[in-house]
């Protein structure tokens, strides 16, 4: 039998080091988070403008429409 020998250069191994994020990627991530939160707020406000009958048509109660948890979750 032959023994398998694998060599990995030490320059390619980074044990325990996290890659640093560039400032521009951090700013982009924060912008995406803000846009997501703004869209959630717009959707929640649109649901709160609906009447109780309209909410009932889509299967939601007034309490579910105004909650901070996922509105569309059934669990």
N, C-alpha and C. Protein backbone atom coordinates (compact mmCIF):
# COMPACT_ATOMS: atom_id res chain seq x y z
N UNK A 1 0.82 -1.19 0.00
CA UNK A 1 0.00 0.00 0.00
C UNK A 1 0.86 1.25 0.00
N UNK A 2 0.37 2.24 -0.69
CA UNK A 2 1.08 3.50 -0.69
C UNK A 2 0.48 4.41 0.37
N UNK A 3 1.34 5.17 0.99
CA UNK A 3 0.81 6.13 1.96
C UNK A 3 0.55 7.44 1.23
N UNK A 4 -0.56 8.04 1.58
CA UNK A 4 -0.97 9.28 0.95
C UNK A 4 -0.34 10.44 1.70
N UNK A 5 0.35 11.27 1.01
CA UNK A 5 1.02 12.41 1.63
C UNK A 5 0.45 13.69 1.05
N UNK A 6 -0.13 14.50 1.92
CA UNK A 6 -0.71 15.77 1.49
C UNK A 6 0.02 16.88 2.22
N UNK A 7 0.47 17.86 1.47
CA UNK A 7 1.12 19.00 2.10
C UNK A 7 0.32 20.25 1.80
N UNK A 8 0.15 21.05 2.82
CA UNK A 8 -0.56 22.31 2.68
C UNK A 8 0.39 23.40 3.16
N UNK A 9 0.58 24.39 2.32
CA UNK A 9 1.52 25.44 2.71
C UNK A 9 0.95 26.23 3.89
N UNK A 10 1.82 26.63 4.77
CA UNK A 10 1.38 27.33 5.98
C UNK A 10 0.82 28.71 5.65
N UNK A 11 1.12 29.25 4.49
CA UNK A 11 0.60 30.55 4.10
C UNK A 11 -0.90 30.49 3.82
N UNK A 12 -1.40 29.30 3.51
CA UNK A 12 -2.82 29.17 3.18
C UNK A 12 -3.67 28.81 4.38
N UNK A 13 -3.05 28.48 5.50
CA UNK A 13 -3.78 28.09 6.69
C UNK A 13 -3.91 29.30 7.61
N UNK A 14 -5.12 29.61 7.99
CA UNK A 14 -5.38 30.69 8.95
C UNK A 14 -6.23 30.11 10.06
N UNK A 15 -5.62 29.71 11.09
CA UNK A 15 -6.32 29.09 12.20
C UNK A 15 -6.77 30.17 13.17
N UNK A 16 -8.08 30.24 13.38
CA UNK A 16 -8.61 31.15 14.38
C UNK A 16 -8.69 32.61 13.96
N UNK A 17 -8.33 32.93 12.78
CA UNK A 17 -8.40 34.32 12.33
C UNK A 17 -9.64 34.52 11.48
N UNK A 18 -10.41 35.51 11.82
CA UNK A 18 -11.58 35.85 11.00
C UNK A 18 -11.13 36.85 9.94
N UNK A 19 -11.67 36.69 8.75
CA UNK A 19 -11.33 37.69 7.72
C UNK A 19 -11.95 39.04 8.08
N UNK A 20 -11.20 40.08 7.89
CA UNK A 20 -11.70 41.42 8.20
C UNK A 20 -12.63 41.90 7.11
N UNK A 21 -13.69 42.53 7.54
CA UNK A 21 -14.63 43.09 6.57
C UNK A 21 -14.18 44.50 6.23
N UNK A 22 -14.32 44.83 5.00
CA UNK A 22 -13.94 46.16 4.56
C UNK A 22 -15.01 47.15 5.00
N UNK A 23 -14.61 48.38 5.27
CA UNK A 23 -15.59 49.38 5.74
C UNK A 23 -16.76 49.57 4.77
N UNK A 24 -16.50 49.48 3.48
CA UNK A 24 -17.57 49.66 2.50
C UNK A 24 -18.58 48.52 2.59
N UNK A 25 -18.12 47.30 2.85
CA UNK A 25 -19.06 46.17 2.96
C UNK A 25 -19.88 46.29 4.24
N UNK A 26 -19.29 46.85 5.29
CA UNK A 26 -20.03 47.06 6.54
C UNK A 26 -21.12 48.11 6.32
N UNK A 27 -20.79 49.18 5.63
CA UNK A 27 -21.77 50.23 5.32
C UNK A 27 -22.89 49.66 4.45
N UNK A 28 -22.53 48.83 3.48
CA UNK A 28 -23.54 48.22 2.61
C UNK A 28 -24.45 47.29 3.41
N UNK A 29 -23.89 46.54 4.36
CA UNK A 29 -24.71 45.64 5.18
C UNK A 29 -25.66 46.43 6.06
N UNK A 30 -25.20 47.53 6.63
CA UNK A 30 -26.07 48.38 7.46
C UNK A 30 -27.18 49.00 6.61
N UNK A 31 -26.84 49.42 5.40
CA UNK A 31 -27.85 49.98 4.50
C UNK A 31 -28.90 48.95 4.14
N UNK A 32 -28.48 47.70 3.88
CA UNK A 32 -29.45 46.64 3.57
C UNK A 32 -30.36 46.37 4.77
N UNK A 33 -29.78 46.37 5.97
CA UNK A 33 -30.57 46.14 7.17
C UNK A 33 -31.60 47.26 7.35
N UNK A 34 -31.20 48.50 7.16
CA UNK A 34 -32.13 49.62 7.28
C UNK A 34 -33.23 49.54 6.23
N UNK A 35 -32.89 49.19 5.01
CA UNK A 35 -33.90 49.07 3.96
C UNK A 35 -34.89 47.95 4.30
N UNK A 36 -34.39 46.85 4.86
CA UNK A 36 -35.26 45.74 5.25
C UNK A 36 -36.22 46.17 6.35
N UNK A 37 -35.69 46.86 7.36
CA UNK A 37 -36.53 47.32 8.47
C UNK A 37 -37.57 48.34 8.01
N UNK A 38 -37.18 49.21 7.08
CA UNK A 38 -38.13 50.19 6.55
C UNK A 38 -39.25 49.50 5.77
N UNK A 39 -38.92 48.46 5.01
CA UNK A 39 -39.93 47.71 4.27
C UNK A 39 -40.88 47.00 5.23
N UNK A 40 -40.33 46.43 6.32
CA UNK A 40 -41.19 45.79 7.32
C UNK A 40 -42.15 46.80 7.93
N UNK A 41 -41.65 47.99 8.23
CA UNK A 41 -42.50 49.03 8.84
C UNK A 41 -43.59 49.47 7.87
N UNK A 42 -43.24 49.64 6.59
CA UNK A 42 -44.23 50.01 5.57
C UNK A 42 -45.32 48.96 5.48
N UNK A 43 -44.92 47.69 5.49
CA UNK A 43 -45.90 46.61 5.40
C UNK A 43 -46.80 46.59 6.64
N UNK A 44 -46.21 46.76 7.82
CA UNK A 44 -47.00 46.76 9.05
C UNK A 44 -47.98 47.92 9.05
N UNK A 45 -47.53 49.09 8.62
CA UNK A 45 -48.42 50.25 8.58
C UNK A 45 -49.55 50.05 7.57
N UNK A 46 -49.24 49.40 6.45
CA UNK A 46 -50.28 49.13 5.46
C UNK A 46 -51.32 48.16 6.03
N UNK A 47 -50.86 47.17 6.80
CA UNK A 47 -51.80 46.23 7.42
C UNK A 47 -52.67 46.92 8.46
N UNK A 48 -52.08 47.85 9.20
CA UNK A 48 -52.84 48.53 10.24
C UNK A 48 -53.89 49.47 9.66
N UNK A 49 -53.74 49.87 8.41
CA UNK A 49 -54.73 50.73 7.77
C UNK A 49 -55.95 49.94 7.29
N UNK A 50 -55.84 48.61 7.23
CA UNK A 50 -56.96 47.80 6.77
C UNK A 50 -58.03 47.69 7.85
N UNK A 51 -59.25 47.51 7.41
CA UNK A 51 -60.35 47.32 8.36
C UNK A 51 -60.30 45.89 8.91
N UNK A 52 -61.06 45.63 9.96
CA UNK A 52 -61.09 44.30 10.56
C UNK A 52 -61.60 43.26 9.56
N UNK A 53 -62.57 43.64 8.74
CA UNK A 53 -63.10 42.70 7.74
C UNK A 53 -62.04 42.37 6.68
N UNK A 54 -61.28 43.37 6.27
CA UNK A 54 -60.22 43.13 5.29
C UNK A 54 -59.12 42.24 5.88
N UNK A 55 -58.78 42.48 7.13
CA UNK A 55 -57.79 41.63 7.79
C UNK A 55 -58.29 40.19 7.90
N UNK A 56 -59.57 40.04 8.19
CA UNK A 56 -60.16 38.71 8.30
C UNK A 56 -60.10 37.99 6.96
N UNK A 57 -60.27 38.74 5.86
CA UNK A 57 -60.20 38.14 4.52
C UNK A 57 -58.83 37.53 4.23
N UNK A 58 -57.78 38.14 4.75
CA UNK A 58 -56.43 37.60 4.50
C UNK A 58 -55.95 36.72 5.64
N UNK A 59 -56.80 36.48 6.64
CA UNK A 59 -56.48 35.53 7.69
C UNK A 59 -55.68 36.07 8.83
N UNK A 60 -55.79 37.37 9.11
CA UNK A 60 -55.06 37.99 10.21
C UNK A 60 -56.01 38.67 11.17
N UNK A 61 -55.58 38.79 12.41
CA UNK A 61 -56.35 39.56 13.38
C UNK A 61 -55.66 40.91 13.57
N UNK A 62 -56.31 41.82 14.24
CA UNK A 62 -55.74 43.14 14.50
C UNK A 62 -54.44 43.01 15.31
N UNK A 63 -54.43 42.09 16.26
CA UNK A 63 -53.23 41.88 17.08
C UNK A 63 -52.05 41.34 16.29
N UNK A 64 -52.33 40.44 15.35
CA UNK A 64 -51.26 39.90 14.52
C UNK A 64 -50.70 40.96 13.58
N UNK A 65 -51.54 41.84 13.10
CA UNK A 65 -51.10 42.87 12.16
C UNK A 65 -50.17 43.86 12.83
N UNK A 66 -50.35 44.09 14.12
CA UNK A 66 -49.53 45.08 14.81
C UNK A 66 -48.39 44.50 15.61
N UNK A 67 -48.22 43.19 15.58
CA UNK A 67 -47.17 42.58 16.40
C UNK A 67 -45.81 42.72 15.73
N UNK A 68 -44.76 42.59 16.55
CA UNK A 68 -43.40 42.68 16.03
C UNK A 68 -42.87 41.35 15.53
N UNK A 69 -43.57 40.28 15.85
CA UNK A 69 -43.14 38.98 15.35
C UNK A 69 -43.58 38.84 13.90
N UNK A 70 -43.14 37.80 13.27
CA UNK A 70 -43.46 37.62 11.85
C UNK A 70 -44.97 37.56 11.66
N UNK A 71 -45.48 38.48 10.91
CA UNK A 71 -46.92 38.61 10.70
C UNK A 71 -47.48 37.42 9.95
N UNK A 72 -46.70 36.89 9.03
CA UNK A 72 -47.21 35.85 8.15
C UNK A 72 -47.03 34.45 8.70
N UNK A 73 -46.45 34.34 9.88
CA UNK A 73 -46.24 33.02 10.47
C UNK A 73 -47.53 32.52 11.09
N UNK A 74 -47.80 31.25 10.94
CA UNK A 74 -49.00 30.65 11.52
C UNK A 74 -48.69 29.91 12.80
N UNK A 75 -47.46 29.96 13.28
CA UNK A 75 -47.08 29.21 14.47
C UNK A 75 -46.85 30.11 15.64
